[in-house]
Amino acid sequence: MPIKLDRLERVNQALKRVIGEAIEKFALLPAGAFVSVLDVTTSSDLRNANVSVSIFAPDKEKKNAAFTALLDARGEIQSFINKHLAFKYTPRLHFRSDDRIAEGDRVLALLNSLEAEESGKNESES
């Protein structure tokens, strides 16, 4: 019998919290890199979970190293989930990099620079 949607949402939220704790504990991230768990989507049979993460790093090389560290720590993270959540099955984690936040920051920076440029033009015209 498929799992109910509200229960699945609670499972996703619990996984998100525990995965965040496990990443903090087990993933050996490069200096200056941070990982944020944005979303967890678990299959209805609880066998697989897609984990969307946002990685903040000073450059592309450290961002790639942080994602690799996350993949390397997957087994320890799954063991941590098994110890802290009473599920019949521990879902297999599939990490996905999600750059929506970084793209949003980039768009905001562009808008701010345009606004500053525009206000500079208005002040010089006065």
PDB file of N, CA and C in Angstrom:
ATOM      1  N   MET A   1       0.845  -1.184   0.000  1.00  0.00           N
ATOM      2  CA  MET A   1       0.000   0.000   0.000  1.00  0.00           C
ATOM      3  C   MET A   1       0.889   1.245   0.000  1.00  0.00           C
ATOM      4  N   PRO A   2       0.622   2.182  -0.905  1.00  0.00           N
ATOM      5  CA  PRO A   2       1.438   3.394  -0.956  1.00  0.00           C
ATOM      6  C   PRO A   2       1.317   4.225   0.322  1.00  0.00           C
ATOM      7  N   ILE A   3       2.388   4.892   0.632  1.00  0.00           N
ATOM      8  CA  ILE A   3       2.425   5.728   1.830  1.00  0.00           C
ATOM      9  C   ILE A   3       1.590   6.995   1.578  1.00  0.00           C
ATOM     10  N   LYS A   4       0.887   7.484   2.602  1.00  0.00           N
ATOM     11  CA  LYS A   4       0.045   8.670   2.454  1.00  0.00           C
ATOM     12  C   LYS A   4       0.910   9.911   2.277  1.00  0.00           C
ATOM     13  N   LEU A   5       0.379  10.906   1.559  1.00  0.00           N
ATOM     14  CA  LEU A   5       1.151  12.107   1.231  1.00  0.00           C
ATOM     15  C   LEU A   5       1.567  12.908   2.447  1.00  0.00           C
ATOM     16  N   ASP A   6       0.683  13.078   3.434  1.00  0.00           N
ATOM     17  CA  ASP A   6       1.065  13.859   4.614  1.00  0.00           C
ATOM     18  C   ASP A   6       2.151  13.139   5.415  1.00  0.00           C
ATOM     19  N   ARG A   7       2.085  11.834   5.464  1.00  0.00           N
ATOM     20  CA  ARG A   7       3.118  11.066   6.142  1.00  0.00           C
ATOM     21  C   ARG A   7       4.433  11.165   5.377  1.00  0.00           C
ATOM     22  N   LEU A   8       4.361  11.104   4.064  1.00  0.00           N
ATOM     23  CA  LEU A   8       5.549  11.220   3.236  1.00  0.00           C
ATOM     24  C   LEU A   8       6.197  12.601   3.412  1.00  0.00           C
ATOM     25  N   GLU A   9       5.385  13.629   3.548  1.00  0.00           N
ATOM     26  CA  GLU A   9       5.924  14.973   3.790  1.00  0.00           C
ATOM     27  C   GLU A   9       6.642  15.037   5.140  1.00  0.00           C
ATOM     28  N   ARG A  10       6.083  14.403   6.156  1.00  0.00           N
ATOM     29  CA  ARG A  10       6.746  14.359   7.471  1.00  0.00           C
ATOM     30  C   ARG A  10       8.067  13.579   7.382  1.00  0.00           C
ATOM     31  N   VAL A  11       8.066  12.496   6.617  1.00  0.00           N
ATOM     32  CA  VAL A  11       9.292  11.716   6.406  1.00  0.00           C
ATOM     33  C   VAL A  11      10.340  12.589   5.723  1.00  0.00           C
ATOM     34  N   ASN A  12       9.927  13.327   4.684  1.00  0.00           N
ATOM     35  CA  ASN A  12      10.857  14.207   3.968  1.00  0.00           C
ATOM     36  C   ASN A  12      11.452  15.261   4.894  1.00  0.00           C
ATOM     37  N   GLN A  13      10.626  15.858   5.749  1.00  0.00           N
ATOM     38  CA  GLN A  13      11.114  16.882   6.676  1.00  0.00           C
ATOM     39  C   GLN A  13      12.073  16.283   7.710  1.00  0.00           C
ATOM     40  N   ALA A  14      11.750  15.101   8.210  1.00  0.00           N
ATOM     41  CA  ALA A  14      12.637  14.438   9.173  1.00  0.00           C
ATOM     42  C   ALA A  14      13.976  14.100   8.519  1.00  0.00           C
ATOM     43  N   LEU A  15      13.930  13.590   7.304  1.00  0.00           N
ATOM     44  CA  LEU A  15      15.159  13.277   6.577  1.00  0.00           C
ATOM     45  C   LEU A  15      15.990  14.534   6.327  1.00  0.00           C
ATOM     46  N   LYS A  16      15.333  15.606   5.954  1.00  0.00           N
ATOM     47  CA  LYS A  16      16.034  16.867   5.692  1.00  0.00           C
ATOM     48  C   LYS A  16      16.806  17.319   6.930  1.00  0.00           C
ATOM     49  N   ARG A  17      16.167  17.251   8.088  1.00  0.00           N
ATOM     50  CA  ARG A  17      16.799  17.666   9.339  1.00  0.00           C
ATOM     51  C   ARG A  17      17.988  16.755   9.673  1.00  0.00           C
ATOM     52  N   VAL A  18      17.785  15.454   9.602  1.00  0.00           N
ATOM     53  CA  VAL A  18      18.833  14.498   9.979  1.00  0.00           C
ATOM     54  C   VAL A  18      19.983  14.512   8.962  1.00  0.00           C
ATOM     55  N   ILE A  19      19.678  14.665   7.687  1.00  0.00           N
ATOM     56  CA  ILE A  19      20.734  14.739   6.680  1.00  0.00           C
ATOM     57  C   ILE A  19      21.591  15.978   6.912  1.00  0.00           C
ATOM     58  N   GLY A  20      20.954  17.094   7.254  1.00  0.00           N
ATOM     59  CA  GLY A  20      21.709  18.303   7.567  1.00  0.00           C
ATOM     60  C   GLY A  20      22.666  18.098   8.725  1.00  0.00           C
ATOM     61  N   GLU A  21      22.187  17.431   9.774  1.00  0.00           N
ATOM     62  CA  GLU A  21      23.048  17.129  10.924  1.00  0.00           C
ATOM     63  C   GLU A  21      24.199  16.211  10.511  1.00  0.00           C
ATOM     64  N   ALA A  22      23.883  15.208   9.699  1.00  0.00           N
ATOM     65  CA  ALA A  22      24.910  14.241   9.279  1.00  0.00           C
ATOM     66  C   ALA A  22      25.961  14.891   8.388  1.00  0.00           C
ATOM     67  N   ILE A  23      25.548  15.789   7.508  1.00  0.00           N
ATOM     68  CA  ILE A  23      26.511  16.479   6.642  1.00  0.00           C
ATOM     69  C   ILE A  23      27.467  17.289   7.499  1.00  0.00           C
ATOM     70  N   GLU A  24      26.913  17.971   8.489  1.00  0.00           N
ATOM     71  CA  GLU A  24      27.750  18.769   9.388  1.00  0.00           C
ATOM     72  C   GLU A  24      28.775  17.894  10.112  1.00  0.00           C
ATOM     73  N   LYS A  25      28.352  16.678  10.448  1.00  0.00           N
ATOM     74  CA  LYS A  25      29.200  15.784  11.225  1.00  0.00           C
ATOM     75  C   LYS A  25      30.201  14.999  10.372  1.00  0.00           C
ATOM     76  N   PHE A  26      29.799  14.530   9.189  1.00  0.00           N
ATOM     77  CA  PHE A  26      30.611  13.573   8.438  1.00  0.00           C
ATOM     78  C   PHE A  26      31.257  14.096   7.158  1.00  0.00           C
ATOM     79  N   ALA A  27      30.663  15.069   6.505  1.00  0.00           N
ATOM     80  CA  ALA A  27      31.220  15.525   5.230  1.00  0.00           C
ATOM     81  C   ALA A  27      32.423  16.429   5.483  1.00  0.00           C
ATOM     82  N   LEU A  28      33.562  16.050   4.963  1.00  0.00           N
ATOM     83  CA  LEU A  28      34.791  16.822   5.129  1.00  0.00           C
ATOM     84  C   LEU A  28      34.856  17.875   4.026  1.00  0.00           C
ATOM     85  N   LEU A  29      34.176  18.985   4.260  1.00  0.00           N
ATOM     86  CA  LEU A  29      34.071  20.043   3.260  1.00  0.00           C
ATOM     87  C   LEU A  29      35.344  20.887   3.241  1.00  0.00           C
ATOM     88  N   PRO A  30      35.718  21.400   2.073  1.00  0.00           N
ATOM     89  CA  PRO A  30      36.884  22.282   2.010  1.00  0.00           C
ATOM     90  C   PRO A  30      36.615  23.580   2.773  1.00  0.00           C
ATOM     91  N   ALA A  31      37.692  24.239   3.181  1.00  0.00           N
ATOM     92  CA  ALA A  31      37.571  25.488   3.933  1.00  0.00           C
ATOM     93  C   ALA A  31      36.783  26.512   3.115  1.00  0.00           C
ATOM     94  N   GLY A  32      35.828  27.151   3.767  1.00  0.00           N
ATOM     95  CA  GLY A  32      35.037  28.182   3.114  1.00  0.00           C
ATOM     96  C   GLY A  32      33.820  27.662   2.376  1.00  0.00           C
ATOM     97  N   ALA A  33      33.607  26.355   2.348  1.00  0.00           N
ATOM     98  CA  ALA A  33      32.452  25.777   1.658  1.00  0.00           C
ATOM     99  C   ALA A  33      31.380  25.399   2.662  1.00  0.00           C
ATOM    100  N   PHE A  34      30.142  25.657   2.288  1.00  0.00           N
ATOM    101  CA  PHE A  34      28.999  25.323   3.132  1.00  0.00           C
ATOM    102  C   PHE A  34      27.954  24.613   2.289  1.00  0.00           C
ATOM    103  N   VAL A  35      27.255  23.668   2.902  1.00  0.00           N
ATOM    104  CA  VAL A  35      26.204  22.925   2.206  1.00  0.00           C
ATOM    105  C   VAL A  35      24.891  23.147   2.940  1.00  0.00           C
ATOM    106  N   SER A  36      23.862  23.454   2.166  1.00  0.00           N
ATOM    107  CA  SER A  36      22.525  23.630   2.724  1.00  0.00           C
ATOM    108  C   SER A  36      21.586  22.635   2.051  1.00  0.00           C
ATOM    109  N   VAL A  37      20.836  21.877   2.851  1.00  0.00           N
ATOM    110  CA  VAL A  37      19.870  20.933   2.299  1.00  0.00           C
ATOM    111  C   VAL A  37      18.588  21.707   2.017  1.00  0.00           C
ATOM    112  N   LEU A  38      18.233  21.807   0.740  1.00  0.00           N
ATOM    113  CA  LEU A  38      17.067  22.585   0.342  1.00  0.00           C
ATOM    114  C   LEU A  38      15.789  21.766   0.366  1.00  0.00           C
ATOM    115  N   ASP A  39      15.888  20.522  -0.091  1.00  0.00           N
ATOM    116  CA  ASP A  39      14.675  19.724  -0.237  1.00  0.00           C
ATOM    117  C   ASP A  39      15.036  18.243  -0.261  1.00  0.00           C
ATOM    118  N   VAL A  40      14.134  17.433   0.263  1.00  0.00           N
ATOM    119  CA  VAL A  40      14.276  15.976   0.186  1.00  0.00           C
ATOM    120  C   VAL A  40      12.969  15.430  -0.366  1.00  0.00           C
ATOM    121  N   THR A  41      13.064  14.603  -1.391  1.00  0.00           N
ATOM    122  CA  THR A  41      11.890  13.966  -1.986  1.00  0.00           C
ATOM    123  C   THR A  41      12.106  12.469  -1.931  1.00  0.00           C
ATOM    124  N   THR A  42      11.289  11.806  -1.140  1.00  0.00           N
ATOM    125  CA  THR A  42      11.423  10.367  -0.931  1.00  0.00           C
ATOM    126  C   THR A  42      10.411   9.623  -1.789  1.00  0.00           C
ATOM    127  N   SER A  43      10.817   8.488  -2.333  1.00  0.00           N
ATOM    128  CA  SER A  43       9.885   7.661  -3.093  1.00  0.00           C
ATOM    129  C   SER A  43       8.841   7.085  -2.134  1.00  0.00           C
ATOM    130  N   SER A  44       7.694   6.707  -2.659  1.00  0.00           N
ATOM    131  CA  SER A  44       6.597   6.233  -1.801  1.00  0.00           C
ATOM    132  C   SER A  44       6.933   4.938  -1.066  1.00  0.00           C
ATOM    133  N   ASP A  45       7.887   4.157  -1.587  1.00  0.00           N
ATOM    134  CA  ASP A  45       8.274   2.924  -0.896  1.00  0.00           C
ATOM    135  C   ASP A  45       9.444   3.147   0.081  1.00  0.00           C
ATOM    136  N   LEU A  46       9.884   4.402   0.207  1.00  0.00           N
ATOM    137  CA  LEU A  46      10.968   4.811   1.115  1.00  0.00           C
ATOM    138  C   LEU A  46      12.317   4.179   0.783  1.00  0.00           C
ATOM    139  N   ARG A  47      12.489   3.700  -0.433  1.00  0.00           N
ATOM    140  CA  ARG A  47      13.750   3.062  -0.812  1.00  0.00           C
ATOM    141  C   ARG A  47      14.779   4.057  -1.346  1.00  0.00           C
ATOM    142  N   ASN A  48      14.315   5.167  -1.913  1.00  0.00           N
ATOM    143  CA  ASN A  48      15.205   6.164  -2.512  1.00  0.00           C
ATOM    144  C   ASN A  48      14.780   7.556  -2.081  1.00  0.00           C
ATOM    145  N   ALA A  49      15.763   8.451  -1.983  1.00  0.00           N
ATOM    146  CA  ALA A  49      15.477   9.843  -1.654  1.00  0.00           C
ATOM    147  C   ALA A  49      16.389  10.742  -2.471  1.00  0.00           C
ATOM    148  N   ASN A  50      15.787  11.695  -3.164  1.00  0.00           N
ATOM    149  CA  ASN A  50      16.544  12.715  -3.878  1.00  0.00           C
ATOM    150  C   ASN A  50      16.751  13.882  -2.928  1.00  0.00           C
ATOM    151  N   VAL A  51      17.997  14.272  -2.747  1.00  0.00           N
ATOM    152  CA  VAL A  51      18.352  15.337  -1.817  1.00  0.00           C
ATOM    153  C   VAL A  51      18.912  16.504  -2.622  1.00  0.00           C
ATOM    154  N   SER A  52      18.200  17.622  -2.626  1.00  0.00           N
ATOM    155  CA  SER A  52      18.658  18.827  -3.315  1.00  0.00           C
ATOM    156  C   SER A  52      19.487  19.646  -2.342  1.00  0.00           C
ATOM    157  N   VAL A  53      20.712  19.934  -2.731  1.00  0.00           N
ATOM    158  CA  VAL A  53      21.612  20.706  -1.874  1.00  0.00           C
ATOM    159  C   VAL A  53      22.111  21.929  -2.633  1.00  0.00           C
ATOM    160  N   SER A  54      22.342  22.976  -1.869  1.00  0.00           N
ATOM    161  CA  SER A  54      22.965  24.170  -2.407  1.00  0.00           C
ATOM    162  C   SER A  54      24.341  24.269  -1.768  1.00  0.00           C
ATOM    163  N   ILE A  55      25.353  24.447  -2.596  1.00  0.00           N
ATOM    164  CA  ILE A  55      26.728  24.505  -2.097  1.00  0.00           C
ATOM    165  C   ILE A  55      27.257  25.922  -2.310  1.00  0.00           C
ATOM    166  N   PHE A  56      27.670  26.525  -1.213  1.00  0.00           N
ATOM    167  CA  PHE A  56      28.258  27.860  -1.251  1.00  0.00           C
ATOM    168  C   PHE A  56      29.764  27.701  -1.062  1.00  0.00           C
ATOM    169  N   ALA A  57      30.517  28.168  -2.038  1.00  0.00           N
ATOM    170  CA  ALA A  57      31.976  28.056  -1.981  1.00  0.00           C
ATOM    171  C   ALA A  57      32.574  29.252  -2.704  1.00  0.00           C
ATOM    172  N   PRO A  58      33.811  29.617  -2.337  1.00  0.00           N
ATOM    173  CA  PRO A  58      34.435  30.787  -2.958  1.00  0.00           C
ATOM    174  C   PRO A  58      34.736  30.620  -4.451  1.00  0.00           C
ATOM    175  N   ASP A  59      34.911  29.383  -4.916  1.00  0.00           N
ATOM    176  CA  ASP A  59      35.187  29.175  -6.344  1.00  0.00           C
ATOM    177  C   ASP A  59      34.637  27.822  -6.793  1.00  0.00           C
ATOM    178  N   LYS A  60      34.658  27.617  -8.098  1.00  0.00           N
ATOM    179  CA  LYS A  60      34.099  26.399  -8.702  1.00  0.00           C
ATOM    180  C   LYS A  60      34.842  25.147  -8.236  1.00  0.00           C
ATOM    181  N   GLU A  61      36.155  25.249  -8.068  1.00  0.00           N
ATOM    182  CA  GLU A  61      36.964  24.100  -7.644  1.00  0.00           C
ATOM    183  C   GLU A  61      36.549  23.620  -6.251  1.00  0.00           C
ATOM    184  N   LYS A  62      36.379  24.554  -5.324  1.00  0.00           N
ATOM    185  CA  LYS A  62      35.964  24.169  -3.967  1.00  0.00           C
ATOM    186  C   LYS A  62      34.520  23.683  -3.945  1.00  0.00           C
ATOM    187  N   LYS A  63      33.692  24.226  -4.821  1.00  0.00           N
ATOM    188  CA  LYS A  63      32.304  23.760  -4.918  1.00  0.00           C
ATOM    189  C   LYS A  63      32.274  22.302  -5.373  1.00  0.00           C
ATOM    190  N   ASN A  64      33.079  21.975  -6.379  1.00  0.00           N
ATOM    191  CA  ASN A  64      33.160  20.588  -6.861  1.00  0.00           C
ATOM    192  C   ASN A  64      33.736  19.667  -5.785  1.00  0.00           C
ATOM    193  N   ALA A  65      34.741  20.155  -5.048  1.00  0.00           N
ATOM    194  CA  ALA A  65      35.337  19.356  -3.965  1.00  0.00           C
ATOM    195  C   ALA A  65      34.321  19.110  -2.856  1.00  0.00           C
ATOM    196  N   ALA A  66      33.485  20.098  -2.567  1.00  0.00           N
ATOM    197  CA  ALA A  66      32.455  19.944  -1.537  1.00  0.00           C
ATOM    198  C   ALA A  66      31.416  18.903  -1.969  1.00  0.00           C
ATOM    199  N   PHE A  67      31.029  18.933  -3.250  1.00  0.00           N
ATOM    200  CA  PHE A  67      30.049  17.954  -3.738  1.00  0.00           C
ATOM    201  C   PHE A  67      30.646  16.553  -3.707  1.00  0.00           C
ATOM    202  N   THR A  68      31.924  16.428  -4.057  1.00  0.00           N
ATOM    203  CA  THR A  68      32.605  15.132  -3.994  1.00  0.00           C
ATOM    204  C   THR A  68      32.674  14.632  -2.551  1.00  0.00           C
ATOM    205  N   ALA A  69      32.959  15.529  -1.605  1.00  0.00           N
ATOM    206  CA  ALA A  69      33.005  15.151  -0.186  1.00  0.00           C
ATOM    207  C   ALA A  69      31.631  14.664   0.277  1.00  0.00           C
ATOM    208  N   LEU A  70      30.596  15.293  -0.223  1.00  0.00           N
ATOM    209  CA  LEU A  70      29.233  14.893   0.113  1.00  0.00           C
ATOM    210  C   LEU A  70      28.945  13.487  -0.407  1.00  0.00           C
ATOM    211  N   LEU A  71      29.339  13.223  -1.631  1.00  0.00           N
ATOM    212  CA  LEU A  71      29.135  11.888  -2.202  1.00  0.00           C
ATOM    213  C   LEU A  71      29.951  10.834  -1.462  1.00  0.00           C
ATOM    214  N   ASP A  72      31.172  11.192  -1.065  1.00  0.00           N
ATOM    215  CA  ASP A  72      32.029  10.261  -0.324  1.00  0.00           C
ATOM    216  C   ASP A  72      31.450   9.919   1.044  1.00  0.00           C
ATOM    217  N   ALA A  73      30.704  10.846   1.636  1.00  0.00           N
ATOM    218  CA  ALA A  73      30.141  10.655   2.981  1.00  0.00           C
ATOM    219  C   ALA A  73      28.752  10.018   2.938  1.00  0.00           C
ATOM    220  N   ARG A  74      28.259   9.673   1.752  1.00  0.00           N
ATOM    221  CA  ARG A  74      26.897   9.155   1.621  1.00  0.00           C
ATOM    222  C   ARG A  74      26.633   7.945   2.522  1.00  0.00           C
ATOM    223  N   GLY A  75      27.555   6.989   2.584  1.00  0.00           N
ATOM    224  CA  GLY A  75      27.364   5.792   3.416  1.00  0.00           C
ATOM    225  C   GLY A  75      27.249   6.138   4.893  1.00  0.00           C
ATOM    226  N   GLU A  76      28.106   7.047   5.367  1.00  0.00           N
ATOM    227  CA  GLU A  76      28.045   7.459   6.768  1.00  0.00           C
ATOM    228  C   GLU A  76      26.756   8.221   7.057  1.00  0.00           C
ATOM    229  N   ILE A  77      26.307   9.019   6.092  1.00  0.00           N
ATOM    230  CA  ILE A  77      25.057   9.767   6.268  1.00  0.00           C
ATOM    231  C   ILE A  77      23.884   8.802   6.342  1.00  0.00           C
ATOM    232  N   GLN A  78      23.880   7.785   5.490  1.00  0.00           N
ATOM    233  CA  GLN A  78      22.804   6.799   5.519  1.00  0.00           C
ATOM    234  C   GLN A  78      22.815   6.017   6.832  1.00  0.00           C
ATOM    235  N   SER A  79      23.989   5.685   7.346  1.00  0.00           N
ATOM    236  CA  SER A  79      24.080   4.998   8.644  1.00  0.00           C
ATOM    237  C   SER A  79      23.547   5.888   9.763  1.00  0.00           C
ATOM    238  N   PHE A  80      23.863   7.184   9.694  1.00  0.00           N
ATOM    239  CA  PHE A  80      23.373   8.152  10.675  1.00  0.00           C
ATOM    240  C   PHE A  80      21.846   8.210  10.641  1.00  0.00           C
ATOM    241  N   ILE A  81      21.276   8.197   9.444  1.00  0.00           N
ATOM    242  CA  ILE A  81      19.814   8.186   9.296  1.00  0.00           C
ATOM    243  C   ILE A  81      19.245   6.934   9.938  1.00  0.00           C
ATOM    244  N   ASN A  82      19.868   5.795   9.670  1.00  0.00           N
ATOM    245  CA  ASN A  82      19.403   4.520  10.213  1.00  0.00           C
ATOM    246  C   ASN A  82      19.382   4.527  11.738  1.00  0.00           C
ATOM    247  N   LYS A  83      20.379   5.179  12.355  1.00  0.00           N
ATOM    248  CA  LYS A  83      20.451   5.226  13.820  1.00  0.00           C
ATOM    249  C   LYS A  83      19.454   6.200  14.427  1.00  0.00           C
ATOM    250  N   HIS A  84      19.118   7.271  13.695  1.00  0.00           N
ATOM    251  CA  HIS A  84      18.309   8.337  14.282  1.00  0.00           C
ATOM    252  C   HIS A  84      16.840   8.328  13.871  1.00  0.00           C
ATOM    253  N   LEU A  85      16.497   7.597  12.839  1.00  0.00           N
ATOM    254  CA  LEU A  85      15.098   7.526  12.403  1.00  0.00           C
ATOM    255  C   LEU A  85      14.679   6.063  12.315  1.00  0.00           C
ATOM    256  N   ALA A  86      13.525   5.771  12.824  1.00  0.00           N
ATOM    257  CA  ALA A  86      13.048   4.383  12.872  1.00  0.00           C
ATOM    258  C   ALA A  86      12.233   4.061  11.620  1.00  0.00           C
ATOM    259  N   PHE A  87      12.948   3.891  10.503  1.00  0.00           N
ATOM    260  CA  PHE A  87      12.302   3.511   9.253  1.00  0.00           C
ATOM    261  C   PHE A  87      12.554   2.028   9.001  1.00  0.00           C
ATOM    262  N   LYS A  88      11.610   1.393   8.329  1.00  0.00           N
ATOM    263  CA  LYS A  88      11.811  -0.002   7.953  1.00  0.00           C
ATOM    264  C   LYS A  88      12.994  -0.108   6.985  1.00  0.00           C
ATOM    265  N   TYR A  89      13.068   0.828   6.057  1.00  0.00           N
ATOM    266  CA  TYR A  89      14.164   0.880   5.098  1.00  0.00           C
ATOM    267  C   TYR A  89      14.853   2.237   5.222  1.00  0.00           C
ATOM    268  N   THR A  90      16.169   2.224   5.135  1.00  0.00           N
ATOM    269  CA  THR A  90      16.903   3.483   5.057  1.00  0.00           C
ATOM    270  C   THR A  90      17.012   3.823   3.584  1.00  0.00           C
ATOM    271  N   PRO A  91      16.484   4.975   3.190  1.00  0.00           N
ATOM    272  CA  PRO A  91      16.506   5.291   1.757  1.00  0.00           C
ATOM    273  C   PRO A  91      17.920   5.493   1.225  1.00  0.00           C
ATOM    274  N   ARG A  92      18.119   5.092  -0.005  1.00  0.00           N
ATOM    275  CA  ARG A  92      19.389   5.351  -0.693  1.00  0.00           C
ATOM    276  C   ARG A  92      19.345   6.802  -1.143  1.00  0.00           C
ATOM    277  N   LEU A  93      20.375   7.549  -0.782  1.00  0.00           N
ATOM    278  CA  LEU A  93      20.400   8.980  -1.053  1.00  0.00           C
ATOM    279  C   LEU A  93      20.999   9.269  -2.425  1.00  0.00           C
ATOM    280  N   HIS A  94      20.347  10.170  -3.140  1.00  0.00           N
ATOM    281  CA  HIS A  94      20.821  10.640  -4.440  1.00  0.00           C
ATOM    282  C   HIS A  94      20.931  12.158  -4.337  1.00  0.00           C
ATOM    283  N   PHE A  95      22.154  12.661  -4.259  1.00  0.00           N
ATOM    284  CA  PHE A  95      22.370  14.098  -4.101  1.00  0.00           C
ATOM    285  C   PHE A  95      22.304  14.802  -5.447  1.00  0.00           C
ATOM    286  N   ARG A  96      21.647  15.952  -5.438  1.00  0.00           N
ATOM    287  CA  ARG A  96      21.521  16.802  -6.622  1.00  0.00           C
ATOM    288  C   ARG A  96      21.926  18.214  -6.233  1.00  0.00           C
ATOM    289  N   SER A  97      22.791  18.810  -7.021  1.00  0.00           N
ATOM    290  CA  SER A  97      23.184  20.193  -6.770  1.00  0.00           C
ATOM    291  C   SER A  97      22.091  21.108  -7.305  1.00  0.00           C
ATOM    292  N   ASP A  98      21.694  22.068  -6.503  1.00  0.00           N
ATOM    293  CA  ASP A  98      20.627  23.002  -6.867  1.00  0.00           C
ATOM    294  C   ASP A  98      21.188  24.416  -6.770  1.00  0.00           C
ATOM    295  N   ASP A  99      21.280  25.090  -7.889  1.00  0.00           N
ATOM    296  CA  ASP A  99      21.891  26.414  -7.937  1.00  0.00           C
ATOM    297  C   ASP A  99      20.870  27.547  -7.954  1.00  0.00           C
ATOM    298  N   ARG A 100      19.622  27.275  -7.600  1.00  0.00           N
ATOM    299  CA  ARG A 100      18.598  28.321  -7.640  1.00  0.00           C
ATOM    300  C   ARG A 100      18.932  29.496  -6.728  1.00  0.00           C
ATOM    301  N   ILE A 101      19.464  29.245  -5.553  1.00  0.00           N
ATOM    302  CA  ILE A 101      19.777  30.324  -4.618  1.00  0.00           C
ATOM    303  C   ILE A 101      20.924  31.176  -5.174  1.00  0.00           C
ATOM    304  N   ALA A 102      21.954  30.534  -5.697  1.00  0.00           N
ATOM    305  CA  ALA A 102      23.079  31.272  -6.274  1.00  0.00           C
ATOM    306  C   ALA A 102      22.620  32.105  -7.470  1.00  0.00           C
ATOM    307  N   GLU A 103      21.753  31.538  -8.295  1.00  0.00           N
ATOM    308  CA  GLU A 103      21.231  32.287  -9.438  1.00  0.00           C
ATOM    309  C   GLU A 103      20.385  33.472  -8.972  1.00  0.00           C
ATOM    310  N   GLY A 104      19.594  33.269  -7.928  1.00  0.00           N
ATOM    311  CA  GLY A 104      18.800  34.364  -7.361  1.00  0.00           C
ATOM    312  C   GLY A 104      19.687  35.475  -6.824  1.00  0.00           C
ATOM    313  N   ASP A 105      20.768  35.098  -6.148  1.00  0.00           N
ATOM    314  CA  ASP A 105      21.722  36.093  -5.646  1.00  0.00           C
ATOM    315  C   ASP A 105      22.362  36.866  -6.794  1.00  0.00           C
ATOM    316  N   ARG A 106      22.682  36.177  -7.860  1.00  0.00           N
ATOM    317  CA  ARG A 106      23.295  36.821  -9.028  1.00  0.00           C
ATOM    318  C   ARG A 106      22.330  37.830  -9.653  1.00  0.00           C
ATOM    319  N   VAL A 107      21.064  37.443  -9.783  1.00  0.00           N
ATOM    320  CA  VAL A 107      20.060  38.351 -10.353  1.00  0.00           C
ATOM    321  C   VAL A 107      19.873  39.570  -9.449  1.00  0.00           C
ATOM    322  N   LEU A 108      19.813  39.354  -8.140  1.00  0.00           N
ATOM    323  CA  LEU A 108      19.683  40.484  -7.216  1.00  0.00           C
ATOM    324  C   LEU A 108      20.881  41.427  -7.301  1.00  0.00           C
ATOM    325  N   ALA A 109      22.076  40.877  -7.429  1.00  0.00           N
ATOM    326  CA  ALA A 109      23.270  41.712  -7.559  1.00  0.00           C
ATOM    327  C   ALA A 109      23.198  42.542  -8.841  1.00  0.00           C
ATOM    328  N   LEU A 110      22.739  41.933  -9.931  1.00  0.00           N
ATOM    329  CA  LEU A 110      22.589  42.674 -11.189  1.00  0.00           C
ATOM    330  C   LEU A 110      21.565  43.789 -11.044  1.00  0.00           C
ATOM    331  N   LEU A 111      20.442  43.491 -10.417  1.00  0.00           N
ATOM    332  CA  LEU A 111      19.412  44.508 -10.208  1.00  0.00           C
ATOM    333  C   LEU A 111      19.926  45.652  -9.337  1.00  0.00           C
ATOM    334  N   ASN A 112      20.673  45.313  -8.290  1.00  0.00           N
ATOM    335  CA  ASN A 112      21.235  46.348  -7.415  1.00  0.00           C
ATOM    336  C   ASN A 112      22.235  47.224  -8.164  1.00  0.00           C
ATOM    337  N   SER A 113      23.063  46.616  -9.017  1.00  0.00           N
ATOM    338  CA  SER A 113      24.036  47.411  -9.771  1.00  0.00           C
ATOM    339  C   SER A 113      23.324  48.315 -10.772  1.00  0.00           C
ATOM    340  N   LEU A 114      22.256  47.824 -11.395  1.00  0.00           N
ATOM    341  CA  LEU A 114      21.482  48.659 -12.317  1.00  0.00           C
ATOM    342  C   LEU A 114      20.821  49.812 -11.578  1.00  0.00           C
ATOM    343  N   GLU A 115      20.298  49.527 -10.396  1.00  0.00           N
ATOM    344  CA  GLU A 115      19.655  50.563  -9.588  1.00  0.00           C
ATOM    345  C   GLU A 115      20.664  51.629  -9.167  1.00  0.00           C
ATOM    346  N   ALA A 116      21.853  51.192  -8.766  1.00  0.00           N
ATOM    347  CA  ALA A 116      22.904  52.143  -8.373  1.00  0.00           C
ATOM    348  C   ALA A 116      23.339  52.977  -9.573  1.00  0.00           C
ATOM    349  N   GLU A 117      23.447  52.358 -10.730  1.00  0.00           N
ATOM    350  CA  GLU A 117      23.804  53.056 -11.957  1.00  0.00           C
ATOM    351  C   GLU A 117      22.749  54.103 -12.297  1.00  0.00           C
ATOM    352  N   GLU A 118      21.508  53.707 -12.184  1.00  0.00           N
ATOM    353  CA  GLU A 118      20.389  54.600 -12.493  1.00  0.00           C
ATOM    354  C   GLU A 118      20.332  55.773 -11.523  1.00  0.00           C
ATOM    355  N   SER A 119      20.536  55.513 -10.245  1.00  0.00           N
ATOM    356  CA  SER A 119      20.507  56.606  -9.267  1.00  0.00           C
ATOM    357  C   SER A 119      21.699  57.532  -9.462  1.00  0.00           C
ATOM    358  N   GLY A 120      22.836  57.002  -9.911  1.00  0.00           N
ATOM    359  CA  GLY A 120      24.015  57.823 -10.213  1.00  0.00           C
ATOM    360  C   GLY A 120      23.747  58.742 -11.380  1.00  0.00           C
ATOM    361  N   LYS A 121      23.018  58.261 -12.393  1.00  0.00           N
ATOM    362  CA  LYS A 121      22.661  59.080 -13.554  1.00  0.00           C
ATOM    363  C   LYS A 121      21.711  60.195 -13.131  1.00  0.00           C
ATOM    364  N   ASN A 122      20.726  59.868 -12.281  1.00  0.00           N
ATOM    365  CA  ASN A 122      19.758  60.856 -11.845  1.00  0.00           C
ATOM    366  C   ASN A 122      20.409  61.959 -11.031  1.00  0.00           C
ATOM    367  N   GLU A 123      21.386  61.636 -10.201  1.00  0.00           N
ATOM    368  CA  GLU A 123      22.073  62.628  -9.376  1.00  0.00           C
ATOM    369  C   GLU A 123      22.933  63.539 -10.239  1.00  0.00           C
ATOM    370  N   SER A 124      23.571  63.010 -11.286  1.00  0.00           N
ATOM    371  CA  SER A 124      24.418  63.829 -12.152  1.00  0.00           C
ATOM    372  C   SER A 124      23.585  64.766 -13.030  1.00  0.00           C
ATOM    373  N   GLU A 125      22.340  64.380 -13.331  1.00  0.00           N
ATOM    374  CA  GLU A 125      21.447  65.222 -14.124  1.00  0.00           C
ATOM    375  C   GLU A 125      20.895  66.385 -13.317  1.00  0.00           C
ATOM    376  N   SER A 126      20.861  66.254 -12.009  1.00  0.00           N
ATOM    377  CA  SER A 126      20.269  67.296 -11.157  1.00  0.00           C
ATOM    378  C   SER A 126      21.119  68.513 -11.015  1.00  0.00           C
TER     379      SER A 126
END
